[in-house]
N, C-alpha and C. Protein backbone atom coordinates (compact mmCIF):
# COMPACT_ATOMS: atom_id res chain seq x y z
N MET A 1 0.84 -1.19 0.00
CA MET A 1 0.00 0.00 0.00
C MET A 1 0.89 1.25 0.00
N SER A 2 0.43 2.25 -0.70
CA SER A 2 1.18 3.49 -0.77
C SER A 2 0.23 4.67 -0.63
N TYR A 3 0.51 5.52 0.35
CA TYR A 3 -0.33 6.68 0.61
C TYR A 3 0.55 7.88 0.92
N ALA A 4 -0.03 9.06 0.83
CA ALA A 4 0.59 10.28 1.31
C ALA A 4 -0.54 11.24 1.66
N PHE A 5 -0.42 11.90 2.80
CA PHE A 5 -1.41 12.88 3.21
C PHE A 5 -0.70 14.17 3.57
N LYS A 6 -1.40 15.26 3.42
CA LYS A 6 -0.89 16.54 3.90
C LYS A 6 -0.88 16.52 5.42
N ASN A 7 0.18 17.04 6.02
CA ASN A 7 0.17 17.17 7.48
C ASN A 7 -0.98 18.09 7.86
N GLY A 8 -1.93 17.54 8.61
CA GLY A 8 -3.14 18.29 8.94
C GLY A 8 -4.34 17.83 8.16
N ALA A 9 -4.17 16.77 7.35
CA ALA A 9 -5.30 16.23 6.58
C ALA A 9 -6.40 15.74 7.52
N VAL A 10 -7.63 15.79 7.04
CA VAL A 10 -8.77 15.35 7.84
C VAL A 10 -9.49 14.21 7.14
N SER A 11 -10.22 13.45 7.92
CA SER A 11 -11.05 12.36 7.41
C SER A 11 -10.24 11.33 6.63
N ALA A 12 -9.06 11.00 7.14
CA ALA A 12 -8.17 10.09 6.42
C ALA A 12 -8.58 8.63 6.61
N MET A 13 -8.62 7.92 5.48
CA MET A 13 -8.88 6.48 5.47
C MET A 13 -7.77 5.81 4.66
N PHE A 14 -7.34 4.64 5.08
CA PHE A 14 -6.36 3.90 4.31
C PHE A 14 -6.54 2.41 4.59
N GLU A 15 -5.93 1.58 3.73
CA GLU A 15 -6.06 0.14 3.87
C GLU A 15 -4.72 -0.52 4.18
N VAL A 16 -4.80 -1.63 4.89
CA VAL A 16 -3.64 -2.47 5.16
C VAL A 16 -3.98 -3.89 4.72
N GLN A 17 -2.98 -4.59 4.21
CA GLN A 17 -3.16 -5.98 3.79
C GLN A 17 -2.54 -6.89 4.85
N LEU A 18 -3.33 -7.80 5.39
CA LEU A 18 -2.86 -8.74 6.41
C LEU A 18 -2.89 -10.15 5.83
N TYR A 19 -1.86 -10.93 6.17
CA TYR A 19 -1.72 -12.27 5.60
C TYR A 19 -1.91 -13.35 6.66
N ASP A 20 -2.42 -14.48 6.20
CA ASP A 20 -2.72 -15.61 7.06
C ASP A 20 -1.46 -16.43 7.30
N ALA A 21 -1.14 -16.68 8.55
CA ALA A 21 0.08 -17.44 8.89
C ALA A 21 0.02 -18.86 8.39
N THR A 22 -1.16 -19.39 8.10
CA THR A 22 -1.29 -20.79 7.65
C THR A 22 -1.27 -20.90 6.13
N LYS A 23 -1.14 -19.77 5.45
CA LYS A 23 -1.21 -19.80 3.98
C LYS A 23 -0.01 -19.11 3.37
N THR A 24 1.16 -19.36 3.92
CA THR A 24 2.35 -18.67 3.44
C THR A 24 2.71 -19.03 2.01
N ALA A 25 2.38 -20.24 1.60
CA ALA A 25 2.74 -20.69 0.25
C ALA A 25 1.94 -19.94 -0.82
N THR A 26 0.75 -19.54 -0.47
CA THR A 26 -0.12 -18.87 -1.44
C THR A 26 -0.30 -17.39 -1.14
N ASN A 27 0.35 -16.93 -0.08
CA ASN A 27 0.21 -15.53 0.32
C ASN A 27 -1.25 -15.15 0.56
N GLY A 28 -2.00 -16.07 1.12
CA GLY A 28 -3.42 -15.84 1.35
C GLY A 28 -3.67 -14.79 2.40
N GLY A 29 -4.71 -14.00 2.17
CA GLY A 29 -5.07 -12.96 3.12
C GLY A 29 -5.74 -13.52 4.35
N LEU A 30 -5.51 -12.87 5.47
CA LEU A 30 -6.13 -13.26 6.74
C LEU A 30 -7.50 -12.58 6.82
N THR A 31 -8.55 -13.39 6.83
CA THR A 31 -9.90 -12.85 6.83
C THR A 31 -10.56 -13.01 8.20
N GLY A 32 -11.66 -12.30 8.38
CA GLY A 32 -12.48 -12.49 9.57
C GLY A 32 -12.15 -11.65 10.77
N LEU A 33 -11.13 -10.80 10.68
CA LEU A 33 -10.80 -9.96 11.82
C LEU A 33 -11.83 -8.85 11.98
N THR A 34 -12.07 -8.47 13.22
CA THR A 34 -12.93 -7.33 13.53
C THR A 34 -12.23 -6.49 14.59
N ASN A 35 -12.86 -5.40 14.95
CA ASN A 35 -12.29 -4.57 16.00
C ASN A 35 -12.28 -5.29 17.34
N ALA A 36 -13.04 -6.39 17.45
CA ALA A 36 -13.12 -7.15 18.69
C ALA A 36 -12.23 -8.39 18.70
N SER A 37 -11.43 -8.59 17.65
CA SER A 37 -10.56 -9.77 17.59
C SER A 37 -9.53 -9.73 18.71
N ALA A 38 -9.43 -10.84 19.44
CA ALA A 38 -8.53 -10.92 20.60
C ALA A 38 -7.09 -10.61 20.20
N GLY A 39 -6.46 -9.75 20.97
CA GLY A 39 -5.05 -9.43 20.76
C GLY A 39 -4.78 -8.38 19.71
N LEU A 40 -5.82 -7.86 19.07
CA LEU A 40 -5.61 -6.86 18.02
C LEU A 40 -5.03 -5.57 18.61
N ILE A 41 -3.94 -5.12 18.01
CA ILE A 41 -3.28 -3.87 18.40
C ILE A 41 -2.96 -3.10 17.13
N ILE A 42 -3.25 -1.84 17.11
CA ILE A 42 -2.86 -0.96 16.01
C ILE A 42 -2.00 0.16 16.60
N GLY A 43 -0.74 0.19 16.18
CA GLY A 43 0.17 1.20 16.69
C GLY A 43 0.38 2.32 15.69
N THR A 44 0.50 3.55 16.17
CA THR A 44 0.79 4.70 15.31
C THR A 44 1.89 5.53 15.95
N ARG A 45 2.83 5.97 15.13
CA ARG A 45 3.89 6.84 15.65
C ARG A 45 4.41 7.73 14.54
N CYS A 46 4.43 9.03 14.81
CA CYS A 46 5.04 9.97 13.87
C CYS A 46 6.54 10.03 14.13
N ASP A 47 7.28 10.44 13.13
CA ASP A 47 8.74 10.44 13.23
C ASP A 47 9.26 11.31 14.35
N VAL A 48 8.51 12.35 14.74
CA VAL A 48 8.99 13.26 15.78
C VAL A 48 8.51 12.85 17.17
N GLU A 49 7.83 11.73 17.28
CA GLU A 49 7.31 11.27 18.56
C GLU A 49 8.22 10.19 19.15
N SER A 50 8.37 10.21 20.46
CA SER A 50 9.24 9.23 21.12
C SER A 50 8.50 7.94 21.44
N ALA A 51 7.18 7.98 21.50
CA ALA A 51 6.42 6.80 21.90
C ALA A 51 5.33 6.47 20.88
N VAL A 52 4.95 5.22 20.85
CA VAL A 52 3.87 4.74 19.99
C VAL A 52 2.53 5.02 20.66
N THR A 53 1.58 5.52 19.90
CA THR A 53 0.20 5.62 20.36
C THR A 53 -0.50 4.35 19.93
N ALA A 54 -0.84 3.50 20.89
CA ALA A 54 -1.40 2.18 20.58
C ALA A 54 -2.90 2.14 20.88
N TYR A 55 -3.62 1.49 19.97
CA TYR A 55 -5.05 1.25 20.14
C TYR A 55 -5.22 -0.27 20.25
N THR A 56 -5.96 -0.72 21.24
CA THR A 56 -6.02 -2.15 21.49
C THR A 56 -7.45 -2.66 21.66
N GLN A 57 -7.62 -3.91 21.25
CA GLN A 57 -8.90 -4.58 21.49
C GLN A 57 -9.11 -4.73 22.99
N ALA A 58 -8.05 -5.05 23.70
CA ALA A 58 -8.16 -5.25 25.15
C ALA A 58 -8.56 -3.97 25.87
N GLY A 59 -8.10 -2.85 25.35
CA GLY A 59 -8.43 -1.58 25.99
C GLY A 59 -9.70 -0.94 25.47
N GLY A 60 -10.33 -1.58 24.49
CA GLY A 60 -11.58 -1.06 23.96
C GLY A 60 -11.44 0.23 23.17
N THR A 61 -10.26 0.43 22.55
CA THR A 61 -10.03 1.68 21.82
C THR A 61 -10.01 1.50 20.31
N ILE A 62 -10.47 0.33 19.84
CA ILE A 62 -10.61 0.09 18.41
C ILE A 62 -12.09 -0.05 18.10
N GLN A 63 -12.60 0.87 17.32
CA GLN A 63 -14.01 0.86 16.96
C GLN A 63 -14.19 0.28 15.56
N THR A 64 -15.40 -0.17 15.26
CA THR A 64 -15.68 -0.72 13.94
C THR A 64 -16.00 0.40 12.97
N ILE A 65 -16.13 0.03 11.69
CA ILE A 65 -16.52 0.96 10.64
C ILE A 65 -17.88 0.49 10.12
N ALA A 66 -18.86 1.35 10.23
CA ALA A 66 -20.21 0.96 9.82
C ALA A 66 -20.30 0.76 8.31
N THR A 67 -19.71 1.67 7.55
CA THR A 67 -19.75 1.59 6.09
C THR A 67 -18.35 1.82 5.54
N ILE A 68 -17.77 0.79 4.92
CA ILE A 68 -16.45 0.92 4.33
C ILE A 68 -16.47 2.06 3.30
N GLY A 69 -15.47 2.92 3.37
CA GLY A 69 -15.38 4.03 2.44
C GLY A 69 -16.07 5.29 2.90
N THR A 70 -16.74 5.24 4.03
CA THR A 70 -17.38 6.42 4.60
C THR A 70 -16.70 6.75 5.92
N TYR A 71 -16.02 7.88 5.97
CA TYR A 71 -15.28 8.25 7.17
C TYR A 71 -16.22 8.74 8.26
N VAL A 72 -16.06 8.16 9.44
CA VAL A 72 -16.72 8.64 10.64
C VAL A 72 -15.64 8.78 11.70
N ALA A 73 -15.47 9.97 12.22
CA ALA A 73 -14.39 10.21 13.17
C ALA A 73 -14.47 9.26 14.35
N PRO A 74 -13.37 8.59 14.70
CA PRO A 74 -13.36 7.76 15.90
C PRO A 74 -13.58 8.62 17.14
N SER A 75 -14.03 8.01 18.20
CA SER A 75 -14.14 8.72 19.47
C SER A 75 -12.73 9.12 19.92
N ALA A 76 -12.64 10.09 20.81
CA ALA A 76 -11.34 10.53 21.31
C ALA A 76 -10.55 9.34 21.85
N GLY A 77 -9.28 9.25 21.44
CA GLY A 77 -8.43 8.16 21.92
C GLY A 77 -8.70 6.83 21.25
N ASN A 78 -9.45 6.83 20.14
CA ASN A 78 -9.80 5.60 19.44
C ASN A 78 -9.34 5.63 17.99
N ILE A 79 -9.47 4.48 17.35
CA ILE A 79 -9.22 4.33 15.92
C ILE A 79 -10.29 3.39 15.39
N ARG A 80 -10.54 3.41 14.07
CA ARG A 80 -11.54 2.51 13.49
C ARG A 80 -10.87 1.49 12.58
N PHE A 81 -11.46 0.28 12.54
CA PHE A 81 -10.86 -0.84 11.81
C PHE A 81 -11.97 -1.79 11.37
N ALA A 82 -11.93 -2.23 10.12
CA ALA A 82 -12.92 -3.21 9.65
C ALA A 82 -12.43 -3.86 8.37
N GLN A 83 -12.91 -5.06 8.13
CA GLN A 83 -12.59 -5.81 6.92
C GLN A 83 -13.29 -5.18 5.72
N VAL A 84 -12.59 -5.13 4.59
CA VAL A 84 -13.16 -4.52 3.38
C VAL A 84 -14.09 -5.50 2.67
N ASP A 85 -13.57 -6.66 2.27
CA ASP A 85 -14.36 -7.65 1.53
C ASP A 85 -13.62 -8.98 1.58
N ALA A 86 -14.10 -9.90 2.43
CA ALA A 86 -13.40 -11.17 2.65
C ALA A 86 -13.36 -12.03 1.40
N THR A 87 -14.33 -11.87 0.51
CA THR A 87 -14.40 -12.69 -0.70
C THR A 87 -13.57 -12.12 -1.84
N ASN A 88 -13.75 -10.86 -2.12
CA ASN A 88 -13.11 -10.26 -3.29
C ASN A 88 -11.78 -9.58 -2.98
N ALA A 89 -11.52 -9.31 -1.71
CA ALA A 89 -10.24 -8.70 -1.31
C ALA A 89 -9.82 -9.29 0.03
N PRO A 90 -9.58 -10.61 0.07
CA PRO A 90 -9.24 -11.25 1.35
C PRO A 90 -8.00 -10.66 1.99
N GLY A 91 -8.11 -10.32 3.26
CA GLY A 91 -6.98 -9.78 4.00
C GLY A 91 -6.87 -8.28 3.96
N LEU A 92 -7.77 -7.62 3.24
CA LEU A 92 -7.71 -6.16 3.14
C LEU A 92 -8.61 -5.54 4.20
N TYR A 93 -8.01 -4.61 4.99
CA TYR A 93 -8.74 -3.97 6.08
C TYR A 93 -8.60 -2.46 5.97
N GLN A 94 -9.69 -1.77 6.28
CA GLN A 94 -9.65 -0.31 6.27
C GLN A 94 -9.43 0.22 7.68
N VAL A 95 -8.65 1.29 7.75
CA VAL A 95 -8.38 1.97 9.01
C VAL A 95 -8.81 3.43 8.85
N GLN A 96 -9.52 3.94 9.83
CA GLN A 96 -9.90 5.35 9.87
C GLN A 96 -9.30 5.95 11.14
N ILE A 97 -8.56 7.03 10.96
CA ILE A 97 -7.73 7.55 12.05
C ILE A 97 -8.19 8.95 12.47
N LEU A 98 -7.96 9.27 13.72
CA LEU A 98 -8.29 10.61 14.22
C LEU A 98 -7.51 11.68 13.47
N ASN A 99 -8.15 12.81 13.21
CA ASN A 99 -7.49 13.90 12.50
C ASN A 99 -6.21 14.35 13.22
N ALA A 100 -6.25 14.34 14.54
CA ALA A 100 -5.10 14.83 15.31
C ALA A 100 -3.84 14.00 15.06
N ARG A 101 -3.99 12.74 14.71
CA ARG A 101 -2.80 11.90 14.50
C ARG A 101 -2.07 12.27 13.22
N LEU A 102 -2.75 12.98 12.32
CA LEU A 102 -2.10 13.42 11.08
C LEU A 102 -1.77 14.91 11.13
N ALA A 103 -1.85 15.49 12.30
CA ALA A 103 -1.57 16.92 12.45
C ALA A 103 -0.52 17.17 13.52
N VAL A 104 0.42 16.25 13.67
CA VAL A 104 1.49 16.40 14.66
C VAL A 104 2.51 17.39 14.11
N ALA A 105 2.77 18.44 14.86
CA ALA A 105 3.65 19.52 14.41
C ALA A 105 5.03 18.98 14.01
N GLY A 106 5.45 19.33 12.82
CA GLY A 106 6.78 18.96 12.35
C GLY A 106 6.92 17.55 11.84
N ALA A 107 5.86 16.75 11.90
CA ALA A 107 5.95 15.35 11.47
C ALA A 107 6.05 15.25 9.95
N LYS A 108 6.94 14.38 9.49
CA LYS A 108 7.11 14.15 8.06
C LYS A 108 6.48 12.84 7.63
N TYR A 109 6.22 11.94 8.57
CA TYR A 109 5.53 10.69 8.23
C TYR A 109 4.96 10.07 9.49
N ILE A 110 4.01 9.17 9.29
CA ILE A 110 3.44 8.40 10.39
C ILE A 110 3.54 6.93 10.02
N THR A 111 3.91 6.11 10.99
CA THR A 111 4.05 4.68 10.78
C THR A 111 2.91 3.94 11.47
N ILE A 112 2.29 3.02 10.74
CA ILE A 112 1.18 2.22 11.26
C ILE A 112 1.66 0.78 11.38
N THR A 113 1.47 0.19 12.54
CA THR A 113 1.87 -1.21 12.75
C THR A 113 0.71 -2.00 13.35
N ILE A 114 0.64 -3.27 13.00
CA ILE A 114 -0.30 -4.20 13.62
C ILE A 114 0.55 -5.38 14.09
N PRO A 115 1.05 -5.30 15.31
CA PRO A 115 2.07 -6.23 15.76
C PRO A 115 1.61 -7.63 16.11
N ALA A 116 0.36 -7.81 16.48
CA ALA A 116 -0.03 -9.15 16.93
C ALA A 116 -1.54 -9.32 16.91
N VAL A 117 -1.96 -10.46 16.37
CA VAL A 117 -3.35 -10.91 16.46
C VAL A 117 -3.33 -12.36 16.00
N ALA A 118 -4.22 -13.16 16.50
CA ALA A 118 -4.21 -14.59 16.19
C ALA A 118 -4.29 -14.84 14.68
N GLY A 119 -3.37 -15.67 14.17
CA GLY A 119 -3.39 -16.05 12.76
C GLY A 119 -2.62 -15.15 11.84
N LEU A 120 -2.09 -14.05 12.35
CA LEU A 120 -1.39 -13.09 11.49
C LEU A 120 0.03 -13.55 11.18
N ASN A 121 0.40 -13.49 9.92
CA ASN A 121 1.75 -13.83 9.50
C ASN A 121 2.63 -12.59 9.65
N LEU A 122 3.37 -12.52 10.73
CA LEU A 122 4.19 -11.34 11.01
C LEU A 122 5.35 -11.20 10.04
N LEU A 123 5.79 -12.32 9.43
CA LEU A 123 6.90 -12.25 8.49
C LEU A 123 6.52 -11.46 7.24
N GLN A 124 5.24 -11.40 6.94
CA GLN A 124 4.77 -10.67 5.76
C GLN A 124 4.13 -9.34 6.13
N MET A 125 4.15 -8.99 7.41
CA MET A 125 3.50 -7.76 7.88
C MET A 125 4.52 -6.64 8.00
N ALA A 126 4.65 -5.83 6.97
CA ALA A 126 5.56 -4.70 7.01
C ALA A 126 4.82 -3.47 7.52
N PRO A 127 5.47 -2.63 8.29
CA PRO A 127 4.81 -1.39 8.75
C PRO A 127 4.35 -0.55 7.55
N LEU A 128 3.25 0.12 7.72
CA LEU A 128 2.77 1.04 6.70
C LEU A 128 3.28 2.43 7.06
N VAL A 129 4.11 3.00 6.19
CA VAL A 129 4.68 4.32 6.43
C VAL A 129 4.00 5.31 5.49
N ILE A 130 3.33 6.30 6.07
CA ILE A 130 2.57 7.27 5.29
C ILE A 130 3.24 8.64 5.39
N PRO A 131 3.78 9.16 4.28
CA PRO A 131 4.36 10.51 4.31
C PRO A 131 3.31 11.56 4.67
N LEU A 132 3.73 12.56 5.43
CA LEU A 132 2.88 13.72 5.76
C LEU A 132 3.53 14.93 5.09
N THR A 133 2.92 15.39 4.03
CA THR A 133 3.54 16.40 3.17
C THR A 133 3.08 17.81 3.51
N ALA A 134 3.80 18.80 2.99
CA ALA A 134 3.43 20.20 3.20
C ALA A 134 2.29 20.62 2.27
N ILE A 135 2.21 19.97 1.11
CA ILE A 135 1.18 20.27 0.11
C ILE A 135 0.25 19.06 -0.01
N ASP A 136 -1.04 19.31 -0.16
CA ASP A 136 -2.01 18.23 -0.28
C ASP A 136 -1.81 17.50 -1.61
N PRO A 137 -1.38 16.22 -1.59
CA PRO A 137 -1.13 15.50 -2.84
C PRO A 137 -2.39 15.15 -3.61
N TYR A 138 -3.55 15.29 -2.96
CA TYR A 138 -4.81 14.97 -3.63
C TYR A 138 -5.52 16.22 -4.15
N ASN A 139 -4.85 17.36 -4.08
CA ASN A 139 -5.42 18.60 -4.57
C ASN A 139 -4.36 19.31 -5.41
N ALA A 140 -4.43 19.09 -6.72
CA ALA A 140 -3.40 19.63 -7.62
C ALA A 140 -3.35 21.15 -7.55
N ALA A 141 -4.47 21.77 -7.27
CA ALA A 141 -4.52 23.23 -7.24
C ALA A 141 -3.83 23.80 -6.00
N SER A 142 -3.68 22.98 -4.96
CA SER A 142 -3.18 23.52 -3.69
C SER A 142 -1.76 24.06 -3.82
N ALA A 143 -0.95 23.40 -4.63
CA ALA A 143 0.44 23.87 -4.79
C ALA A 143 0.48 25.23 -5.49
N LEU A 144 -0.44 25.42 -6.44
CA LEU A 144 -0.47 26.69 -7.18
C LEU A 144 -1.12 27.80 -6.37
N GLN A 145 -2.00 27.41 -5.46
CA GLN A 145 -2.72 28.41 -4.69
C GLN A 145 -2.03 28.77 -3.38
N ALA A 146 -1.02 28.00 -3.02
CA ALA A 146 -0.31 28.28 -1.77
C ALA A 146 0.39 29.64 -1.87
N GLN A 147 0.24 30.44 -0.85
CA GLN A 147 0.86 31.78 -0.85
C GLN A 147 2.34 31.66 -0.57
N SER A 148 3.14 32.27 -1.42
CA SER A 148 4.58 32.21 -1.23
C SER A 148 5.04 33.31 -0.28
N SER A 149 6.23 33.12 0.27
CA SER A 149 6.83 34.17 1.09
C SER A 149 7.43 35.22 0.16
N GLU A 150 7.56 36.44 0.66
CA GLU A 150 8.11 37.51 -0.19
C GLU A 150 9.63 37.53 -0.07
N ASN A 151 10.24 36.58 -0.76
CA ASN A 151 11.69 36.50 -0.81
C ASN A 151 12.17 36.87 -2.20
N TYR A 152 13.36 37.43 -2.29
CA TYR A 152 13.93 37.84 -3.57
C TYR A 152 15.36 37.30 -3.68
N THR A 153 15.82 37.18 -4.91
CA THR A 153 17.20 36.77 -5.10
C THR A 153 18.12 37.93 -4.78
N THR A 154 19.40 37.64 -4.62
CA THR A 154 20.40 38.69 -4.39
C THR A 154 21.34 38.75 -5.58
N ALA A 155 21.93 39.89 -5.79
CA ALA A 155 22.83 40.07 -6.93
C ALA A 155 23.96 39.05 -6.88
N GLY A 156 24.21 38.41 -8.00
CA GLY A 156 25.28 37.43 -8.09
C GLY A 156 24.93 36.06 -7.57
N SER A 157 23.67 35.86 -7.15
CA SER A 157 23.25 34.58 -6.61
C SER A 157 22.16 33.96 -7.48
N GLN A 158 22.18 32.64 -7.62
CA GLN A 158 21.16 31.96 -8.40
C GLN A 158 19.79 32.11 -7.77
N GLY A 159 19.71 31.99 -6.43
CA GLY A 159 18.45 32.18 -5.73
C GLY A 159 17.53 30.96 -5.82
N THR A 160 16.42 31.04 -5.10
CA THR A 160 15.43 29.96 -5.09
C THR A 160 14.39 30.21 -6.18
N TYR A 161 13.61 29.17 -6.49
CA TYR A 161 12.53 29.35 -7.46
C TYR A 161 11.53 30.40 -6.97
N GLU A 162 11.25 30.38 -5.66
CA GLU A 162 10.34 31.35 -5.09
C GLU A 162 10.87 32.76 -5.28
N GLY A 163 12.17 32.95 -5.02
CA GLY A 163 12.77 34.26 -5.18
C GLY A 163 12.76 34.73 -6.62
N ILE A 164 13.04 33.82 -7.55
CA ILE A 164 13.05 34.17 -8.97
C ILE A 164 11.66 34.60 -9.43
N LEU A 165 10.63 33.88 -8.98
CA LEU A 165 9.26 34.24 -9.35
C LEU A 165 8.87 35.59 -8.79
N ASN A 166 9.29 35.88 -7.55
CA ASN A 166 9.01 37.19 -6.96
C ASN A 166 9.74 38.30 -7.73
N ASP A 167 10.99 38.02 -8.15
CA ASP A 167 11.74 39.00 -8.94
C ASP A 167 10.96 39.37 -10.20
N ILE A 168 10.51 38.35 -10.92
CA ILE A 168 9.80 38.57 -12.19
C ILE A 168 8.48 39.30 -11.95
N HIS A 169 7.77 38.86 -10.92
CA HIS A 169 6.47 39.44 -10.61
C HIS A 169 6.58 40.94 -10.34
N GLN A 170 7.53 41.31 -9.48
CA GLN A 170 7.66 42.71 -9.12
C GLN A 170 8.31 43.55 -10.23
N PHE A 171 9.18 42.94 -11.01
CA PHE A 171 9.78 43.63 -12.16
C PHE A 171 8.69 44.08 -13.13
N LEU A 172 7.68 43.23 -13.30
CA LEU A 172 6.59 43.54 -14.24
C LEU A 172 5.58 44.52 -13.66
N LEU A 173 5.43 44.52 -12.32
CA LEU A 173 4.34 45.28 -11.73
C LEU A 173 4.74 46.54 -10.97
N GLN A 174 5.91 46.56 -10.33
CA GLN A 174 6.25 47.71 -9.48
C GLN A 174 7.72 48.10 -9.65
N SER A 175 7.95 49.05 -10.55
CA SER A 175 9.32 49.54 -10.74
C SER A 175 9.28 50.96 -11.30
N THR A 176 10.38 51.65 -11.12
CA THR A 176 10.50 53.01 -11.65
C THR A 176 11.84 53.15 -12.37
N ILE A 177 11.88 54.04 -13.37
CA ILE A 177 13.10 54.30 -14.11
C ILE A 177 13.43 55.79 -13.97
N THR A 178 14.62 56.07 -13.46
CA THR A 178 15.10 57.44 -13.33
C THR A 178 16.46 57.53 -13.99
N GLY A 179 16.50 58.17 -15.15
CA GLY A 179 17.75 58.19 -15.89
C GLY A 179 18.11 56.78 -16.33
N THR A 180 19.26 56.33 -15.88
CA THR A 180 19.66 54.96 -16.22
C THR A 180 19.43 53.98 -15.06
N ALA A 181 18.85 54.48 -13.98
CA ALA A 181 18.59 53.62 -12.81
C ALA A 181 17.18 53.04 -12.87
N TRP A 182 17.10 51.76 -12.78
CA TRP A 182 15.81 51.06 -12.83
C TRP A 182 15.64 50.37 -11.47
N GLN A 183 14.67 50.83 -10.70
CA GLN A 183 14.46 50.31 -9.35
C GLN A 183 13.19 49.46 -9.29
N VAL A 184 13.33 48.23 -8.83
CA VAL A 184 12.20 47.32 -8.63
C VAL A 184 11.88 47.31 -7.13
N TYR A 185 10.58 47.42 -6.81
CA TYR A 185 10.16 47.50 -5.41
C TYR A 185 9.46 46.24 -4.93
N LYS A 186 9.45 46.07 -3.62
CA LYS A 186 8.70 44.97 -3.02
C LYS A 186 7.21 45.28 -3.12
N GLN A 187 6.40 44.37 -2.62
CA GLN A 187 4.96 44.48 -2.81
C GLN A 187 4.35 45.68 -2.10
N ASN A 188 5.06 46.25 -1.13
CA ASN A 188 4.52 47.45 -0.48
C ASN A 188 4.70 48.71 -1.34
N GLY A 189 5.41 48.57 -2.44
CA GLY A 189 5.56 49.67 -3.39
C GLY A 189 6.61 50.69 -3.04
N SER A 190 7.32 50.52 -1.91
CA SER A 190 8.30 51.53 -1.52
C SER A 190 9.65 50.96 -1.12
N THR A 191 9.70 49.73 -0.72
CA THR A 191 10.96 49.11 -0.29
C THR A 191 11.69 48.52 -1.49
N ALA A 192 12.96 48.89 -1.65
CA ALA A 192 13.74 48.42 -2.79
C ALA A 192 13.94 46.91 -2.72
N ALA A 193 13.74 46.27 -3.86
CA ALA A 193 13.94 44.82 -3.93
C ALA A 193 15.11 44.48 -4.85
N ILE A 194 15.16 45.12 -6.01
CA ILE A 194 16.19 44.83 -7.00
C ILE A 194 16.63 46.15 -7.64
N GLY A 195 17.93 46.36 -7.76
CA GLY A 195 18.46 47.53 -8.44
C GLY A 195 19.04 47.14 -9.79
N LEU A 196 18.63 47.86 -10.86
CA LEU A 196 19.10 47.58 -12.21
C LEU A 196 19.62 48.87 -12.84
N THR A 197 20.44 48.70 -13.86
CA THR A 197 20.95 49.86 -14.60
C THR A 197 20.83 49.58 -16.09
N ILE A 198 20.27 50.55 -16.83
CA ILE A 198 20.23 50.44 -18.29
C ILE A 198 21.38 51.26 -18.86
N ASN A 199 21.83 50.91 -20.05
CA ASN A 199 23.05 51.53 -20.57
C ASN A 199 22.83 52.91 -21.17
N ASN A 200 21.56 53.24 -21.47
CA ASN A 200 21.29 54.56 -22.05
C ASN A 200 19.86 54.94 -21.70
N ALA A 201 19.67 56.14 -21.14
CA ALA A 201 18.35 56.55 -20.70
C ALA A 201 17.38 56.75 -21.85
N ALA A 202 17.87 57.17 -23.01
CA ALA A 202 17.00 57.45 -24.14
C ALA A 202 16.77 56.24 -25.03
N THR A 203 17.83 55.54 -25.33
CA THR A 203 17.71 54.38 -26.23
C THR A 203 18.45 53.17 -25.62
N PRO A 204 17.88 52.60 -24.57
CA PRO A 204 18.56 51.49 -23.91
C PRO A 204 18.63 50.23 -24.78
N THR A 205 19.77 49.58 -24.71
CA THR A 205 19.93 48.31 -25.43
C THR A 205 20.37 47.17 -24.53
N SER A 206 20.67 47.50 -23.28
CA SER A 206 21.07 46.44 -22.35
C SER A 206 20.69 46.84 -20.92
N ILE A 207 20.61 45.86 -20.06
CA ILE A 207 20.27 46.07 -18.67
C ILE A 207 21.15 45.18 -17.81
N ALA A 208 21.56 45.68 -16.65
CA ALA A 208 22.41 44.90 -15.76
C ALA A 208 21.93 45.08 -14.31
N ARG A 209 22.08 44.04 -13.53
CA ARG A 209 21.70 44.13 -12.14
C ARG A 209 22.84 44.74 -11.33
N THR A 210 22.48 45.67 -10.43
CA THR A 210 23.48 46.31 -9.61
C THR A 210 23.29 46.02 -8.11
N SER A 211 22.09 45.65 -7.72
CA SER A 211 21.87 45.33 -6.30
C SER A 211 20.65 44.43 -6.15
């Protein structure tokens, strides 16, 4: 399984594939698990956290999912878990997680583990690692709509893409020419951002950056 969510994403659902310890030759899925299956544990830990947040059948913190594919927020301190389709997708289970677990400050990923339950083939159970990104990967417009910081390049430096875009933006929208001096301003219209010089005030043929 492969997923990525924006840090701070809400209503997150994802699936995990569990394998039957008695069917290693065929890689058969482990079917029949519920939130009440004895020994079921679902662990979650973000990279910046020192401890695992565990949800357990024994502790009553794993709730069922009434309708697969429909997110219903778990109760505080809980997680949701249910089988997807024992016949057509044996071993596939959906997990629905609290919004707060995907909004841990500074976290770059969250790891999901299911360490023990009767019949589970642990040799085939790899942790599910879900990246937590700065931009929503499911919203193509979000990257274009994100507000950039007002940074600019400096003379003699390549600069960042953000700085280059700000240079171009302000060059086109806010600048003044006095003699051979061409001054580009920041978005407030008064603070100098880029200093340029043209070679001739009347008939310029070249331009050079001076600051």
